[in-house]
Amino acid sequence: MTCLVIAEHNNNEVLPSTLTTVNAAKKVCDNPHILIVGSNCSKAAEHASKIKGVEEIIVCDDDIYENFLAETVSSLVLSIAEKYLHIFSPATTFGKNIMPRLSAKLDVAQISDISAIIDGNTFVRPIYAGNALATVRSNDKIKLVTVRGSSFDKEELKEGGCKISDISLSQNTSSPKFIGHELSKSERPELTSAKIIVSGGRGVGSSKDFEILEKLADKLGAAVGASRAAVDAGYVPNDYQVGQTGKIVAPELYIAVGISGAIQHLAGMKDSKIIVAINKDEDAPIFQISDYGLVGDLFEVVPKLSETL
């Protein structure tokens, strides 16, 4: 039996989180299947069919799945779950919304936020804000696994495509109804997929002073992040938060400005390829994991850096 990857997508293409999840899935099965659920999602299915090593794309295209509600998506997955030994999903908001419901319905334990795979039954996941690694073994008949995207490479795309199959499921008309959502819009890259991130902490001082970081980010084509302390202080919105209780990121370049380096924040960004820290406190813990450190006043350093670029 093969494994199934529940794809995160925007109806036009699969997101990077899906590519890393497929890479993880291929470590336990050679030819995974990908499930594309959505409304008018044929383009996403075509994109998914070009992922290397995928045997089949299973598509369920219906208006009822337009907003990816956990109740309807999980019902669909349950209808085909018995065909698979492993079901994978990204450890993103998308996956965290669906997989616990599947776990309860199937009466199996969910294996969350894995960072490595030892074999088909044994997985590694970070605990204690990333300061320890737990090796978890499951004997459940179906393994439900969410994948930490920063721990796996993105699976490559190929020319041509694989088999695409359509399925459908009659859903209960009394299913929950989508009312609406509020999204913050930005021209900057999305935080979890950005190649460069400029993050600020409590040391930035105010929401107005965060504009200094935003100017630097715009020069670099970067996303803007923040520590929990900066978010709790009201400097920036919640969706900027990087860390254990925020978003897990692993960009090519992470610039930490005015961030002391609490373990909860480090848990969300320590897998970054290059870490640059700017802080006036030379004893700040952030310098212990940074590749480059600059001790100085951020209100002098950051504007000069922006002018130089």
C-alpha atoms as a PDB file:
ATOM      1  CA  MET A   1       0.000   0.000   0.000  1.00  0.00           C
ATOM      2  CA  THR A   2       1.125   3.517  -0.736  1.00  0.00           C
ATOM      3  CA  CYS A   3       0.674   6.750   1.235  1.00  0.00           C
ATOM      4  CA  LEU A   4      -1.515   9.819   0.787  1.00  0.00           C
ATOM      5  CA  VAL A   5      -0.545  13.492   0.966  1.00  0.00           C
ATOM      6  CA  ILE A   6      -3.361  15.975   1.613  1.00  0.00           C
ATOM      7  CA  ALA A   7      -2.254  18.952  -0.456  1.00  0.00           C
ATOM      8  CA  GLU A   8      -2.356  22.554   0.692  1.00  0.00           C
ATOM      9  CA  HIS A   9      -3.054  24.733  -2.339  1.00  0.00           C
ATOM     10  CA  ASN A  10      -4.730  27.932  -3.530  1.00  0.00           C
ATOM     11  CA  ASN A  11      -6.750  26.285  -6.365  1.00  0.00           C
ATOM     12  CA  ASN A  12      -4.111  27.420  -8.888  1.00  0.00           C
ATOM     13  CA  GLU A  13      -1.002  25.665  -7.590  1.00  0.00           C
ATOM     14  CA  VAL A  14       0.161  23.610  -4.638  1.00  0.00           C
ATOM     15  CA  LEU A  15       1.970  25.574  -1.939  1.00  0.00           C
ATOM     16  CA  PRO A  16       5.600  24.988  -0.894  1.00  0.00           C
ATOM     17  CA  SER A  17       4.345  23.225   2.249  1.00  0.00           C
ATOM     18  CA  THR A  18       2.940  20.491   0.008  1.00  0.00           C
ATOM     19  CA  LEU A  19       6.264  20.039  -1.800  1.00  0.00           C
ATOM     20  CA  THR A  20       8.105  19.493   1.485  1.00  0.00           C
ATOM     21  CA  THR A  21       5.385  17.122   2.696  1.00  0.00           C
ATOM     22  CA  VAL A  22       5.706  15.029  -0.469  1.00  0.00           C
ATOM     23  CA  ASN A  23       9.473  14.898   0.085  1.00  0.00           C
ATOM     24  CA  ALA A  24       8.851  13.532   3.584  1.00  0.00           C
ATOM     25  CA  ALA A  25       6.222  11.044   2.364  1.00  0.00           C
ATOM     26  CA  LYS A  26       8.639   9.600  -0.190  1.00  0.00           C
ATOM     27  CA  LYS A  27      10.869   8.464   2.655  1.00  0.00           C
ATOM     28  CA  VAL A  28       8.261   5.845   3.589  1.00  0.00           C
ATOM     29  CA  CYS A  29       6.734   5.084   0.182  1.00  0.00           C
ATOM     30  CA  ASP A  30       8.139   5.416  -3.322  1.00  0.00           C
ATOM     31  CA  ASN A  31       5.056   6.616  -5.181  1.00  0.00           C
ATOM     32  CA  PRO A  32       2.699   8.643  -2.983  1.00  0.00           C
ATOM     33  CA  HIS A  33      -0.747   9.812  -4.017  1.00  0.00           C
ATOM     34  CA  ILE A  34      -1.806  13.443  -3.601  1.00  0.00           C
ATOM     35  CA  LEU A  35      -5.322  14.521  -2.693  1.00  0.00           C
ATOM     36  CA  ILE A  36      -6.450  17.864  -4.137  1.00  0.00           C
ATOM     37  CA  VAL A  37      -9.677  19.102  -2.531  1.00  0.00           C
ATOM     38  CA  GLY A  38     -11.179  22.431  -3.522  1.00  0.00           C
ATOM     39  CA  SER A  39     -13.417  24.414  -5.827  1.00  0.00           C
ATOM     40  CA  ASN A  40     -12.247  25.015  -9.414  1.00  0.00           C
ATOM     41  CA  CYS A  41      -8.960  23.399  -8.466  1.00  0.00           C
ATOM     42  CA  SER A  42      -8.020  21.762 -11.784  1.00  0.00           C
ATOM     43  CA  LYS A  43      -4.950  24.005 -12.156  1.00  0.00           C
ATOM     44  CA  ALA A  44      -3.693  22.946  -8.747  1.00  0.00           C
ATOM     45  CA  ALA A  45      -4.156  19.303  -9.762  1.00  0.00           C
ATOM     46  CA  GLU A  46      -2.171  19.847 -12.962  1.00  0.00           C
ATOM     47  CA  HIS A  47       0.589  21.523 -10.979  1.00  0.00           C
ATOM     48  CA  ALA A  48       0.652  18.660  -8.456  1.00  0.00           C
ATOM     49  CA  SER A  49       0.873  16.093 -11.259  1.00  0.00           C
ATOM     50  CA  LYS A  50       4.320  17.489 -12.140  1.00  0.00           C
ATOM     51  CA  ILE A  51       5.816  16.695  -8.736  1.00  0.00           C
ATOM     52  CA  LYS A  52       8.550  14.072  -9.100  1.00  0.00           C
ATOM     53  CA  GLY A  53       7.774  10.568  -7.897  1.00  0.00           C
ATOM     54  CA  VAL A  54       4.024  11.009  -7.460  1.00  0.00           C
ATOM     55  CA  GLU A  55       1.969   8.129  -8.822  1.00  0.00           C
ATOM     56  CA  GLU A  56      -1.540   9.608  -8.872  1.00  0.00           C
ATOM     57  CA  ILE A  57      -3.424  12.835  -8.194  1.00  0.00           C
ATOM     58  CA  ILE A  58      -6.873  12.351  -6.665  1.00  0.00           C
ATOM     59  CA  VAL A  59      -9.141  15.334  -7.231  1.00  0.00           C
ATOM     60  CA  CYS A  60     -12.419  16.257  -5.577  1.00  0.00           C
ATOM     61  CA  ASP A  61     -13.633  19.488  -7.161  1.00  0.00           C
ATOM     62  CA  ASP A  62     -16.839  20.822  -5.622  1.00  0.00           C
ATOM     63  CA  ASP A  63     -18.111  24.156  -4.337  1.00  0.00           C
ATOM     64  CA  ILE A  64     -18.620  22.636  -0.888  1.00  0.00           C
ATOM     65  CA  TYR A  65     -14.826  22.516  -0.482  1.00  0.00           C
ATOM     66  CA  GLU A  66     -14.254  26.121  -1.511  1.00  0.00           C
ATOM     67  CA  ASN A  67     -13.138  27.204   1.964  1.00  0.00           C
ATOM     68  CA  PHE A  68     -11.412  23.956   3.038  1.00  0.00           C
ATOM     69  CA  LEU A  69     -13.614  23.420   6.094  1.00  0.00           C
ATOM     70  CA  ALA A  70     -12.248  20.646   8.288  1.00  0.00           C
ATOM     71  CA  GLU A  71     -15.654  18.986   8.612  1.00  0.00           C
ATOM     72  CA  THR A  72     -16.134  18.466   4.878  1.00  0.00           C
ATOM     73  CA  VAL A  73     -12.496  17.785   3.948  1.00  0.00           C
ATOM     74  CA  SER A  74     -12.059  15.221   6.734  1.00  0.00           C
ATOM     75  CA  SER A  75     -15.235  13.407   5.673  1.00  0.00           C
ATOM     76  CA  LEU A  76     -13.797  13.037   2.194  1.00  0.00           C
ATOM     77  CA  VAL A  77     -10.447  11.774   3.478  1.00  0.00           C
ATOM     78  CA  LEU A  78     -12.229   9.266   5.724  1.00  0.00           C
ATOM     79  CA  SER A  79     -13.960   7.793   2.676  1.00  0.00           C
ATOM     80  CA  ILE A  80     -10.594   6.752   1.174  1.00  0.00           C
ATOM     81  CA  ALA A  81      -8.404   6.444   4.289  1.00  0.00           C
ATOM     82  CA  GLU A  82      -8.524   2.638   4.463  1.00  0.00           C
ATOM     83  CA  LYS A  83      -6.541   2.440   1.220  1.00  0.00           C
ATOM     84  CA  TYR A  84      -3.456   3.942   2.859  1.00  0.00           C
ATOM     85  CA  LEU A  85      -0.998   3.083   5.631  1.00  0.00           C
ATOM     86  CA  HIS A  86       0.174   6.683   5.981  1.00  0.00           C
ATOM     87  CA  ILE A  87      -1.638   9.992   5.541  1.00  0.00           C
ATOM     88  CA  PHE A  88       0.539  13.093   5.519  1.00  0.00           C
ATOM     89  CA  SER A  89      -0.309  16.784   5.736  1.00  0.00           C
ATOM     90  CA  PRO A  90       1.752  19.951   6.264  1.00  0.00           C
ATOM     91  CA  ALA A  91       2.075  21.088   9.884  1.00  0.00           C
ATOM     92  CA  THR A  92       0.495  24.402   8.938  1.00  0.00           C
ATOM     93  CA  THR A  93      -2.829  25.936   9.933  1.00  0.00           C
ATOM     94  CA  PHE A  94      -4.359  23.913   7.086  1.00  0.00           C
ATOM     95  CA  GLY A  95      -3.054  20.585   8.378  1.00  0.00           C
ATOM     96  CA  LYS A  96      -3.623  21.393  12.030  1.00  0.00           C
ATOM     97  CA  ASN A  97      -7.266  22.075  11.220  1.00  0.00           C
ATOM     98  CA  ILE A  98      -7.925  18.762   9.476  1.00  0.00           C
ATOM     99  CA  MET A  99      -5.686  16.096  10.994  1.00  0.00           C
ATOM    100  CA  PRO A 100      -6.908  16.110  14.629  1.00  0.00           C
ATOM    101  CA  ARG A 101     -10.455  15.508  13.379  1.00  0.00           C
ATOM    102  CA  LEU A 102      -9.238  12.609  11.254  1.00  0.00           C
ATOM    103  CA  SER A 103      -7.330  11.246  14.238  1.00  0.00           C
ATOM    104  CA  ALA A 104     -10.478  11.187  16.368  1.00  0.00           C
ATOM    105  CA  LYS A 105     -12.637   9.677  13.621  1.00  0.00           C
ATOM    106  CA  LEU A 106     -10.106   6.926  12.850  1.00  0.00           C
ATOM    107  CA  ASP A 107      -9.272   6.380  16.542  1.00  0.00           C
ATOM    108  CA  VAL A 108      -5.530   6.615  15.925  1.00  0.00           C
ATOM    109  CA  ALA A 109      -2.848   8.861  17.423  1.00  0.00           C
ATOM    110  CA  GLN A 110      -1.685  11.835  15.390  1.00  0.00           C
ATOM    111  CA  ILE A 111       2.094  12.207  15.013  1.00  0.00           C
ATOM    112  CA  SER A 112       2.622  15.941  14.904  1.00  0.00           C
ATOM    113  CA  ASP A 113       5.231  18.261  13.453  1.00  0.00           C
ATOM    114  CA  ILE A 114       7.816  15.644  12.494  1.00  0.00           C
ATOM    115  CA  SER A 115      11.340  16.754  11.594  1.00  0.00           C
ATOM    116  CA  ALA A 116      12.769  13.375  10.520  1.00  0.00           C
ATOM    117  CA  ILE A 117      11.664   9.869   9.536  1.00  0.00           C
ATOM    118  CA  ILE A 118      13.518   6.770  10.712  1.00  0.00           C
ATOM    119  CA  ASP A 119      11.187   4.197   9.145  1.00  0.00           C
ATOM    120  CA  GLY A 120       7.525   3.738   8.334  1.00  0.00           C
ATOM    121  CA  ASN A 121       6.592   3.422  12.011  1.00  0.00           C
ATOM    122  CA  THR A 122       9.184   5.666  13.669  1.00  0.00           C
ATOM    123  CA  PHE A 123       9.420   9.443  13.508  1.00  0.00           C
ATOM    124  CA  VAL A 124      11.342  12.265  15.171  1.00  0.00           C
ATOM    125  CA  ARG A 125       9.644  15.435  16.406  1.00  0.00           C
ATOM    126  CA  PRO A 126      10.906  18.439  18.383  1.00  0.00           C
ATOM    127  CA  ILE A 127       9.673  19.018  21.940  1.00  0.00           C
ATOM    128  CA  TYR A 128      10.374  21.590  24.668  1.00  0.00           C
ATOM    129  CA  ALA A 129      10.558  24.479  22.199  1.00  0.00           C
ATOM    130  CA  GLY A 130      12.966  22.536  20.027  1.00  0.00           C
ATOM    131  CA  ASN A 131      15.475  21.910  22.811  1.00  0.00           C
ATOM    132  CA  ALA A 132      14.930  18.147  22.679  1.00  0.00           C
ATOM    133  CA  LEU A 133      13.949  15.616  20.050  1.00  0.00           C
ATOM    134  CA  ALA A 134      11.468  12.836  20.740  1.00  0.00           C
ATOM    135  CA  THR A 135      11.552   9.583  18.789  1.00  0.00           C
ATOM    136  CA  VAL A 136       7.978   8.343  18.409  1.00  0.00           C
ATOM    137  CA  ARG A 137       6.929   4.867  17.279  1.00  0.00           C
ATOM    138  CA  SER A 138       3.367   4.107  16.202  1.00  0.00           C
ATOM    139  CA  ASN A 139       1.730   0.729  15.755  1.00  0.00           C
ATOM    140  CA  ASP A 140      -1.579   2.168  14.564  1.00  0.00           C
ATOM    141  CA  LYS A 141      -2.970   0.665  11.378  1.00  0.00           C
ATOM    142  CA  ILE A 142      -2.976   4.129   9.763  1.00  0.00           C
ATOM    143  CA  LYS A 143      -0.337   6.712  10.609  1.00  0.00           C
ATOM    144  CA  LEU A 144      -1.530  10.323  10.554  1.00  0.00           C
ATOM    145  CA  VAL A 145       1.504  12.576  10.254  1.00  0.00           C
ATOM    146  CA  THR A 146       1.969  16.339  10.014  1.00  0.00           C
ATOM    147  CA  VAL A 147       5.282  17.519   8.576  1.00  0.00           C
ATOM    148  CA  ARG A 148       7.420  20.466   9.648  1.00  0.00           C
ATOM    149  CA  GLY A 149       8.244  22.044   6.308  1.00  0.00           C
ATOM    150  CA  SER A 150      11.500  23.643   7.437  1.00  0.00           C
ATOM    151  CA  SER A 151      12.988  20.188   8.124  1.00  0.00           C
ATOM    152  CA  PHE A 152      12.561  18.768   4.601  1.00  0.00           C
ATOM    153  CA  ASP A 153      13.548  19.883   1.119  1.00  0.00           C
ATOM    154  CA  LYS A 154      10.968  20.856  -1.462  1.00  0.00           C
ATOM    155  CA  GLU A 155      10.297  18.023  -3.888  1.00  0.00           C
ATOM    156  CA  GLU A 156      11.262  18.933  -7.441  1.00  0.00           C
ATOM    157  CA  LEU A 157       8.916  19.308 -10.393  1.00  0.00           C
ATOM    158  CA  LYS A 158       9.269  17.441 -13.674  1.00  0.00           C
ATOM    159  CA  GLU A 159       8.091  17.809 -17.249  1.00  0.00           C
ATOM    160  CA  GLY A 160       4.802  16.132 -18.033  1.00  0.00           C
ATOM    161  CA  GLY A 161       2.369  14.826 -15.458  1.00  0.00           C
ATOM    162  CA  CYS A 162       1.064  11.703 -13.758  1.00  0.00           C
ATOM    163  CA  LYS A 163      -2.390  10.149 -13.649  1.00  0.00           C
ATOM    164  CA  ILE A 164      -5.223  12.400 -12.434  1.00  0.00           C
ATOM    165  CA  SER A 165      -8.400  10.759 -11.090  1.00  0.00           C
ATOM    166  CA  ASP A 166     -11.673  12.372 -10.008  1.00  0.00           C
ATOM    167  CA  ILE A 167     -13.676  11.317  -6.949  1.00  0.00           C
ATOM    168  CA  SER A 168     -16.789  12.674  -5.261  1.00  0.00           C
ATOM    169  CA  LEU A 169     -18.600  12.274  -1.970  1.00  0.00           C
ATOM    170  CA  SER A 170     -22.155  13.203  -1.141  1.00  0.00           C
ATOM    171  CA  GLN A 171     -21.897  15.512   1.869  1.00  0.00           C
ATOM    172  CA  ASN A 172     -24.581  16.087   4.478  1.00  0.00           C
ATOM    173  CA  THR A 173     -26.502  19.238   3.605  1.00  0.00           C
ATOM    174  CA  SER A 174     -26.433  20.179   7.290  1.00  0.00           C
ATOM    175  CA  SER A 175     -22.643  20.487   7.192  1.00  0.00           C
ATOM    176  CA  PRO A 176     -21.237  23.668   8.778  1.00  0.00           C
ATOM    177  CA  LYS A 177     -21.561  26.731   6.588  1.00  0.00           C
ATOM    178  CA  PHE A 178     -18.734  29.156   5.906  1.00  0.00           C
ATOM    179  CA  ILE A 179     -19.656  32.664   7.084  1.00  0.00           C
ATOM    180  CA  GLY A 180     -16.611  34.741   6.198  1.00  0.00           C
ATOM    181  CA  HIS A 181     -13.016  35.562   7.024  1.00  0.00           C
ATOM    182  CA  GLU A 182     -10.753  38.559   7.391  1.00  0.00           C
ATOM    183  CA  LEU A 183      -7.332  38.441   5.773  1.00  0.00           C
ATOM    184  CA  SER A 184      -4.474  40.900   6.095  1.00  0.00           C
ATOM    185  CA  LYS A 185      -3.148  41.759   2.648  1.00  0.00           C
ATOM    186  CA  SER A 186       0.466  42.601   1.908  1.00  0.00           C
ATOM    187  CA  GLU A 187       2.647  42.943  -1.158  1.00  0.00           C
ATOM    188  CA  ARG A 188       5.504  41.368   0.767  1.00  0.00           C
ATOM    189  CA  PRO A 189       6.194  37.607   0.578  1.00  0.00           C
ATOM    190  CA  GLU A 190       4.225  35.267   2.827  1.00  0.00           C
ATOM    191  CA  LEU A 191       6.176  34.680   6.019  1.00  0.00           C
ATOM    192  CA  THR A 192       6.487  30.885   5.921  1.00  0.00           C
ATOM    193  CA  SER A 193       7.642  30.785   2.283  1.00  0.00           C
ATOM    194  CA  ALA A 194       9.849  33.918   2.188  1.00  0.00           C
ATOM    195  CA  LYS A 195      13.531  33.543   1.297  1.00  0.00           C
ATOM    196  CA  ILE A 196      14.460  36.552   3.440  1.00  0.00           C
ATOM    197  CA  ILE A 197      12.823  37.647   6.695  1.00  0.00           C
ATOM    198  CA  VAL A 198      13.457  40.776   8.742  1.00  0.00           C
ATOM    199  CA  SER A 199      12.134  40.301  12.283  1.00  0.00           C
ATOM    200  CA  GLY A 200      11.847  42.755  15.142  1.00  0.00           C
ATOM    201  CA  GLY A 201      11.523  42.306  18.869  1.00  0.00           C
ATOM    202  CA  ARG A 202      10.553  44.333  21.898  1.00  0.00           C
ATOM    203  CA  GLY A 203      13.747  46.340  21.412  1.00  0.00           C
ATOM    204  CA  VAL A 204      12.237  48.060  18.371  1.00  0.00           C
ATOM    205  CA  GLY A 205      10.146  50.043  20.829  1.00  0.00           C
ATOM    206  CA  SER A 206       6.892  50.840  19.037  1.00  0.00           C
ATOM    207  CA  SER A 207       4.716  50.132  16.021  1.00  0.00           C
ATOM    208  CA  LYS A 208       5.921  53.378  14.425  1.00  0.00           C
ATOM    209  CA  ASP A 209       9.564  52.356  14.807  1.00  0.00           C
ATOM    210  CA  PHE A 210       8.763  49.062  13.078  1.00  0.00           C
ATOM    211  CA  GLU A 211       8.637  51.155   9.902  1.00  0.00           C
ATOM    212  CA  ILE A 212      12.453  51.145   9.997  1.00  0.00           C
ATOM    213  CA  LEU A 213      12.401  47.368   9.616  1.00  0.00           C
ATOM    214  CA  GLU A 214       9.714  47.507   6.940  1.00  0.00           C
ATOM    215  CA  LYS A 215      11.855  49.836   4.821  1.00  0.00           C
ATOM    216  CA  LEU A 216      14.770  47.393   5.079  1.00  0.00           C
ATOM    217  CA  ALA A 217      12.466  44.483   4.224  1.00  0.00           C
ATOM    218  CA  ASP A 218      11.166  46.300   1.143  1.00  0.00           C
ATOM    219  CA  LYS A 219      14.723  46.930  -0.038  1.00  0.00           C
ATOM    220  CA  LEU A 220      15.529  43.218   0.325  1.00  0.00           C
ATOM    221  CA  GLY A 221      12.204  41.932  -1.004  1.00  0.00           C
ATOM    222  CA  ALA A 222      11.725  40.303   2.381  1.00  0.00           C
ATOM    223  CA  ALA A 223       8.857  39.382   4.672  1.00  0.00           C
ATOM    224  CA  VAL A 224       8.480  41.050   8.068  1.00  0.00           C
ATOM    225  CA  GLY A 225       8.295  38.968  11.236  1.00  0.00           C
ATOM    226  CA  ALA A 226       8.298  39.625  14.954  1.00  0.00           C
ATOM    227  CA  SER A 227       8.877  38.029  18.318  1.00  0.00           C
ATOM    228  CA  ARG A 228       5.966  37.283  20.621  1.00  0.00           C
ATOM    229  CA  ALA A 229       7.057  40.137  22.874  1.00  0.00           C
ATOM    230  CA  ALA A 230       6.642  42.602  19.991  1.00  0.00           C
ATOM    231  CA  VAL A 231       3.250  41.129  19.083  1.00  0.00           C
ATOM    232  CA  ASP A 232       2.017  41.166  22.692  1.00  0.00           C
ATOM    233  CA  ALA A 233       3.134  44.792  22.971  1.00  0.00           C
ATOM    234  CA  GLY A 234       0.893  45.640  20.017  1.00  0.00           C
ATOM    235  CA  TYR A 235       3.692  46.704  17.668  1.00  0.00           C
ATOM    236  CA  VAL A 236       2.529  44.385  14.869  1.00  0.00           C
ATOM    237  CA  PRO A 237      -0.378  41.986  14.116  1.00  0.00           C
ATOM    238  CA  ASN A 238      -0.436  38.382  15.351  1.00  0.00           C
ATOM    239  CA  ASP A 239       0.292  36.960  11.897  1.00  0.00           C
ATOM    240  CA  TYR A 240       3.813  38.437  12.090  1.00  0.00           C
ATOM    241  CA  GLN A 241       4.755  36.212  15.018  1.00  0.00           C
ATOM    242  CA  VAL A 242       7.642  33.788  14.594  1.00  0.00           C
ATOM    243  CA  GLY A 243       8.265  31.181  17.263  1.00  0.00           C
ATOM    244  CA  GLN A 244       6.923  28.210  19.159  1.00  0.00           C
ATOM    245  CA  THR A 245       3.420  29.685  19.357  1.00  0.00           C
ATOM    246  CA  GLY A 246       3.729  31.501  16.024  1.00  0.00           C
ATOM    247  CA  LYS A 247       5.038  30.458  12.643  1.00  0.00           C
ATOM    248  CA  ILE A 248       7.949  28.110  12.000  1.00  0.00           C
ATOM    249  CA  VAL A 249      10.232  29.518   9.307  1.00  0.00           C
ATOM    250  CA  ALA A 250      13.494  28.519   7.636  1.00  0.00           C
ATOM    251  CA  PRO A 251      14.448  31.238   5.144  1.00  0.00           C
ATOM    252  CA  GLU A 252      17.797  31.559   3.427  1.00  0.00           C
ATOM    253  CA  LEU A 253      18.439  34.742   5.437  1.00  0.00           C
ATOM    254  CA  TYR A 254      16.898  35.710   8.798  1.00  0.00           C
ATOM    255  CA  ILE A 255      17.706  39.153  10.185  1.00  0.00           C
ATOM    256  CA  ALA A 256      16.806  39.471  13.876  1.00  0.00           C
ATOM    257  CA  VAL A 257      16.630  43.090  15.028  1.00  0.00           C
ATOM    258  CA  GLY A 258      16.171  43.955  18.689  1.00  0.00           C
ATOM    259  CA  ILE A 259      15.363  40.325  19.525  1.00  0.00           C
ATOM    260  CA  SER A 260      16.995  38.943  22.658  1.00  0.00           C
ATOM    261  CA  GLY A 261      16.626  35.298  21.650  1.00  0.00           C
ATOM    262  CA  ALA A 262      14.167  33.605  24.015  1.00  0.00           C
ATOM    263  CA  ILE A 263      13.978  29.849  23.405  1.00  0.00           C
ATOM    264  CA  GLN A 264      10.362  30.170  22.256  1.00  0.00           C
ATOM    265  CA  HIS A 265      11.450  32.470  19.428  1.00  0.00           C
ATOM    266  CA  LEU A 266      14.513  30.405  18.538  1.00  0.00           C
ATOM    267  CA  ALA A 267      12.273  27.353  18.147  1.00  0.00           C
ATOM    268  CA  GLY A 268      10.597  29.066  15.199  1.00  0.00           C
ATOM    269  CA  MET A 269      13.643  30.274  13.245  1.00  0.00           C
ATOM    270  CA  LYS A 270      16.774  28.371  14.228  1.00  0.00           C
ATOM    271  CA  ASP A 271      16.666  26.274  11.044  1.00  0.00           C
ATOM    272  CA  SER A 272      17.270  29.398   8.934  1.00  0.00           C
ATOM    273  CA  LYS A 273      20.248  29.010   6.587  1.00  0.00           C
ATOM    274  CA  ILE A 274      21.944  32.260   7.683  1.00  0.00           C
ATOM    275  CA  ILE A 275      21.025  34.202  10.825  1.00  0.00           C
ATOM    276  CA  VAL A 276      22.093  37.818  11.306  1.00  0.00           C
ATOM    277  CA  ALA A 277      21.518  39.411  14.720  1.00  0.00           C
ATOM    278  CA  ILE A 278      21.493  43.134  15.489  1.00  0.00           C
ATOM    279  CA  ASN A 279      21.265  43.981  19.177  1.00  0.00           C
ATOM    280  CA  LYS A 280      22.826  46.532  21.525  1.00  0.00           C
ATOM    281  CA  ASP A 281      23.244  43.880  24.240  1.00  0.00           C
ATOM    282  CA  GLU A 282      26.351  41.876  23.441  1.00  0.00           C
ATOM    283  CA  ASP A 283      25.238  39.140  25.865  1.00  0.00           C
ATOM    284  CA  ALA A 284      21.875  38.588  24.167  1.00  0.00           C
ATOM    285  CA  PRO A 285      21.251  34.821  23.631  1.00  0.00           C
ATOM    286  CA  ILE A 286      20.461  35.436  19.939  1.00  0.00           C
ATOM    287  CA  PHE A 287      24.193  35.845  19.288  1.00  0.00           C
ATOM    288  CA  GLN A 288      24.803  32.235  20.368  1.00  0.00           C
ATOM    289  CA  ILE A 289      23.026  30.856  17.295  1.00  0.00           C
ATOM    290  CA  SER A 290      23.644  33.678  14.807  1.00  0.00           C
ATOM    291  CA  ASP A 291      26.095  33.316  11.930  1.00  0.00           C
ATOM    292  CA  TYR A 292      26.784  37.045  11.964  1.00  0.00           C
ATOM    293  CA  GLY A 293      26.261  39.429  14.865  1.00  0.00           C
ATOM    294  CA  LEU A 294      26.373  43.193  15.094  1.00  0.00           C
ATOM    295  CA  VAL A 295      26.381  44.902  18.475  1.00  0.00           C
ATOM    296  CA  GLY A 296      24.893  48.338  18.026  1.00  0.00           C
ATOM    297  CA  ASP A 297      21.887  50.621  18.218  1.00  0.00           C
ATOM    298  CA  LEU A 298      19.300  49.361  15.742  1.00  0.00           C
ATOM    299  CA  PHE A 299      18.093  52.921  15.138  1.00  0.00           C
ATOM    300  CA  GLU A 300      21.526  53.732  13.726  1.00  0.00           C
ATOM    301  CA  VAL A 301      22.452  50.409  12.137  1.00  0.00           C
ATOM    302  CA  VAL A 302      19.244  49.537  10.272  1.00  0.00           C
ATOM    303  CA  PRO A 303      18.764  52.912   8.493  1.00  0.00           C
ATOM    304  CA  LYS A 304      22.406  52.853   7.375  1.00  0.00           C
ATOM    305  CA  LEU A 305      21.951  49.316   6.101  1.00  0.00           C
ATOM    306  CA  SER A 306      18.847  50.374   4.156  1.00  0.00           C
ATOM    307  CA  GLU A 307      20.709  53.320   2.618  1.00  0.00           C
ATOM    308  CA  THR A 308      23.574  51.076   1.538  1.00  0.00           C
ATOM    309  CA  LEU A 309      21.343  48.622  -0.324  1.00  0.00           C
END
